[in-house]
Amino acid sequence: MGTLLISPAGRESEKLVLKSIWKRKGIEGVLLVRPKGTEGGHLLPLLKEMEIGYQELEVNPLDFVDSVSSIAKYIMSTSYSWFVLSLSSAEDNLVNYEILTAFLLVGVDAEIEVYSNNGVVTWRVKDMLKYQFDVPEDAEILKGIKGGMNTVIELSKSLNLPLATTWRRVNKLIELGYLEKEENKKLRLTLKGEIFARLY
């Protein structure tokens, strides 16, 4: 299946869900994570009209372990192939954190979208995961790319590393989400790569 948009339930967040749907194509379903005892279902008529699937998952935000487990089970059992997390709602911030924690714990990538008074910020779950990062070699490669080197040969020469070692490290950094290859085969930093290039 396609893309599932996940958001805490609530009047404010439901407006943002609609904004997210209108902003992008391909949303096939919406999951609202609703705190027990709160009203839900306000979006249902609109989503039916738009032919978008709709589900609610009821959680007790004050039972963090149970809430995160319920959300994680849903993620692992669904047939959707991509997720957008709309985590802008201030109505129940705890549910925002529980949704994000579930994705981090099961290691499923998703786009995270947060609206503020100044605009919208998006990033991905994989940008938040630190994998096997070898300092100083990997840090030097990231800094080299940030400085304008965008091929393995340039990096190898500039950093005085054997070409085979540079290829191996660059491929590992791509696999772990620090780098991407553009269509023209040039290397570029991902959001996580940008952050790590500044850290070291």
Protein backbone atom coordinates (compact mmCIF):
# COMPACT_ATOMS: atom_id res chain seq x y z
CA MET A 1 0.00 0.00 0.00
CA GLY A 2 0.93 3.68 -0.18
CA THR A 3 1.37 6.39 2.43
CA LEU A 4 -0.25 6.57 5.86
CA LEU A 5 -0.46 9.89 7.69
CA ILE A 6 -0.33 9.52 11.48
CA SER A 7 -1.29 12.27 13.91
CA PRO A 8 -2.61 12.71 17.43
CA ALA A 9 -6.39 13.23 17.44
CA GLY A 10 -7.92 16.57 18.32
CA ARG A 11 -9.52 19.55 16.59
CA GLU A 12 -6.24 21.42 16.11
CA SER A 13 -4.36 18.38 14.79
CA GLU A 14 -7.22 17.42 12.45
CA LYS A 15 -6.88 20.80 10.69
CA LEU A 16 -3.16 20.11 10.26
CA VAL A 17 -3.91 16.61 8.93
CA LEU A 18 -6.03 18.18 6.18
CA LYS A 19 -3.26 20.69 5.46
CA SER A 20 -0.77 17.81 5.13
CA ILE A 21 -3.08 15.87 2.78
CA TRP A 22 -3.59 18.91 0.53
CA LYS A 23 0.14 19.65 0.52
CA ARG A 24 1.22 16.25 -0.81
CA LYS A 25 -0.11 13.58 -3.12
CA GLY A 26 -0.35 9.91 -2.32
CA ILE A 27 -1.85 9.90 1.19
CA GLU A 28 -4.04 6.79 1.14
CA GLY A 29 -4.85 6.55 4.82
CA VAL A 30 -4.98 8.48 8.08
CA LEU A 31 -4.42 7.07 11.56
CA LEU A 32 -5.41 9.33 14.45
CA VAL A 33 -3.95 8.33 17.80
CA ARG A 34 -6.62 9.33 20.27
CA PRO A 35 -6.26 9.57 24.06
CA LYS A 36 -8.84 7.42 25.85
CA GLY A 37 -11.91 9.34 26.90
CA THR A 38 -11.64 12.01 24.22
CA GLU A 39 -14.03 12.57 21.35
CA GLY A 40 -13.00 11.53 17.85
CA GLY A 41 -14.22 11.04 14.34
CA HIS A 42 -14.58 14.66 13.19
CA LEU A 43 -12.51 14.01 10.06
CA LEU A 44 -14.36 10.90 8.94
CA PRO A 45 -16.92 12.54 6.59
CA LEU A 46 -14.26 14.63 4.83
CA LEU A 47 -11.86 11.72 4.41
CA LYS A 48 -14.66 9.52 3.04
CA GLU A 49 -15.40 12.21 0.47
CA MET A 50 -11.69 12.30 -0.46
CA GLU A 51 -11.61 8.47 -0.60
CA ILE A 52 -8.90 8.27 2.05
CA GLY A 53 -8.94 5.42 4.58
CA TYR A 54 -9.40 6.35 8.22
CA GLN A 55 -8.63 4.61 11.49
CA GLU A 56 -8.31 5.58 15.13
CA LEU A 57 -6.03 4.02 17.72
CA GLU A 58 -7.06 4.69 21.30
CA VAL A 59 -4.21 5.00 23.83
CA ASN A 60 -3.71 6.06 27.43
CA PRO A 61 -0.99 8.73 27.17
CA LEU A 62 -0.25 8.45 30.88
CA ASP A 63 0.79 4.82 30.38
CA PHE A 64 3.82 5.52 28.19
CA VAL A 65 4.88 1.88 27.78
CA ASP A 66 1.41 0.71 26.77
CA SER A 67 0.86 3.64 24.38
CA VAL A 68 4.23 3.23 22.65
CA SER A 69 3.72 -0.55 22.44
CA SER A 70 0.26 -0.13 20.88
CA ILE A 71 1.54 2.32 18.29
CA ALA A 72 4.60 0.15 17.53
CA LYS A 73 2.39 -2.94 17.07
CA TYR A 74 0.24 -1.02 14.64
CA ILE A 75 3.28 0.16 12.65
CA MET A 76 4.68 -3.37 12.43
CA SER A 77 1.38 -4.92 11.37
CA THR A 78 0.19 -2.41 8.78
CA SER A 79 0.66 -2.89 5.05
CA TYR A 80 1.45 0.78 4.35
CA SER A 81 4.89 1.28 2.83
CA TRP A 82 5.55 4.90 3.87
CA PHE A 83 4.53 7.11 6.78
CA VAL A 84 4.12 10.83 7.39
CA LEU A 85 3.99 11.86 11.05
CA SER A 86 2.12 15.12 11.61
CA LEU A 87 3.35 16.05 15.08
CA SER A 88 2.32 19.70 15.38
CA SER A 89 -0.54 19.45 17.82
CA ALA A 90 -0.11 21.17 21.15
CA GLU A 91 -3.36 19.63 22.42
CA ASP A 92 -1.62 16.51 23.68
CA ASN A 93 2.15 16.73 23.29
CA LEU A 94 2.60 13.42 25.08
CA VAL A 95 0.94 11.56 22.20
CA ASN A 96 3.35 13.29 19.78
CA TYR A 97 6.29 11.92 21.78
CA GLU A 98 4.76 8.46 21.99
CA ILE A 99 4.25 8.28 18.21
CA LEU A 100 7.83 9.41 17.60
CA THR A 101 9.23 7.01 20.22
CA ALA A 102 7.39 4.07 18.63
CA PHE A 103 8.97 4.80 15.24
CA LEU A 104 12.42 5.22 16.75
CA LEU A 105 12.18 1.96 18.69
CA VAL A 106 11.03 -0.19 15.77
CA GLY A 107 13.46 1.55 13.41
CA VAL A 108 10.87 2.35 10.74
CA ASP A 109 11.64 5.42 8.67
CA ALA A 110 9.03 8.14 8.17
CA GLU A 111 8.78 11.80 7.30
CA ILE A 112 8.14 13.98 10.33
CA GLU A 113 6.28 17.25 9.80
CA VAL A 114 5.93 19.96 12.44
CA TYR A 115 4.17 23.27 11.88
CA SER A 116 5.05 26.31 13.97
CA ASN A 117 4.00 29.95 13.83
CA ASN A 118 6.97 30.59 11.52
CA GLY A 119 6.37 27.80 9.00
CA VAL A 120 6.88 24.05 8.68
CA VAL A 121 9.92 21.88 9.36
CA THR A 122 10.30 18.35 8.02
CA TRP A 123 12.90 15.68 8.66
CA ARG A 124 13.02 11.91 8.74
CA VAL A 125 13.14 9.36 11.52
CA LYS A 126 16.40 7.99 10.10
CA ASP A 127 17.92 11.46 10.61
CA MET A 128 17.50 10.91 14.36
CA LEU A 129 19.24 7.55 14.55
CA LYS A 130 22.97 7.43 15.24
CA TYR A 131 24.54 4.35 13.75
CA GLN A 132 28.12 3.09 13.76
CA PHE A 133 29.91 6.37 13.14
CA ASP A 134 33.71 6.11 13.12
CA VAL A 135 35.54 9.21 14.25
CA PRO A 136 37.80 10.67 12.82
CA GLU A 137 37.60 9.09 9.31
CA ASP A 138 33.84 9.46 8.86
CA ALA A 139 33.85 12.96 10.34
CA GLU A 140 36.59 14.00 7.90
CA ILE A 141 34.62 12.61 4.96
CA LEU A 142 31.48 14.51 6.03
CA LYS A 143 33.45 17.71 6.56
CA GLY A 144 35.11 17.24 3.16
CA ILE A 145 31.73 16.97 1.45
CA LYS A 146 30.44 19.97 3.38
CA GLY A 147 33.52 21.83 2.13
CA GLY A 148 32.65 21.13 -1.50
CA MET A 149 34.28 17.80 -2.32
CA ASN A 150 31.61 15.60 -3.83
CA THR A 151 33.35 12.60 -5.36
CA VAL A 152 35.19 9.69 -3.79
CA ILE A 153 38.34 10.50 -5.75
CA GLU A 154 38.37 14.11 -4.47
CA LEU A 155 37.87 12.88 -0.90
CA SER A 156 40.56 10.23 -1.19
CA LYS A 157 43.15 12.72 -2.47
CA SER A 158 42.25 15.53 -0.10
CA LEU A 159 42.05 13.36 3.02
CA ASN A 160 45.06 11.25 2.05
CA LEU A 161 43.07 8.04 2.42
CA PRO A 162 43.45 4.98 0.18
CA LEU A 163 40.80 4.97 -2.55
CA ALA A 164 39.43 1.56 -1.48
CA THR A 165 39.06 2.76 2.15
CA THR A 166 37.31 5.94 1.00
CA TRP A 167 34.88 3.93 -1.20
CA ARG A 168 34.11 1.56 1.68
CA ARG A 169 33.52 4.38 4.20
CA VAL A 170 31.43 6.44 1.75
CA ASN A 171 29.23 3.43 0.91
CA LYS A 172 28.77 2.73 4.64
CA LEU A 173 27.84 6.38 5.27
CA ILE A 174 25.28 6.18 2.43
CA GLU A 175 23.85 2.96 3.87
CA LEU A 176 23.59 4.52 7.34
CA GLY A 177 21.85 7.65 6.07
CA TYR A 178 24.63 10.26 6.42
CA LEU A 179 25.18 10.69 2.66
CA GLU A 180 23.20 10.42 -0.56
CA LYS A 181 24.24 10.08 -4.17
CA GLU A 182 22.55 12.51 -6.49
CA GLU A 183 21.47 11.54 -10.00
CA ASN A 184 24.77 12.83 -11.38
CA LYS A 185 26.62 10.50 -8.94
CA LYS A 186 27.83 13.46 -6.83
CA LEU A 187 27.77 12.97 -3.06
CA ARG A 188 25.76 15.19 -0.77
CA LEU A 189 25.06 15.29 2.95
CA THR A 190 21.67 14.26 4.31
CA LEU A 191 20.16 16.24 7.17
CA LYS A 192 21.81 13.85 9.63
CA GLY A 193 25.10 14.18 7.73
CA GLU A 194 24.88 17.98 7.97
CA ILE A 195 24.39 17.76 11.72
CA PHE A 196 27.29 15.35 12.22
CA ALA A 197 29.58 17.41 9.95
CA ARG A 198 29.06 20.30 12.36
CA LEU A 199 29.50 18.20 15.49
CA TYR A 200 33.07 17.11 14.81
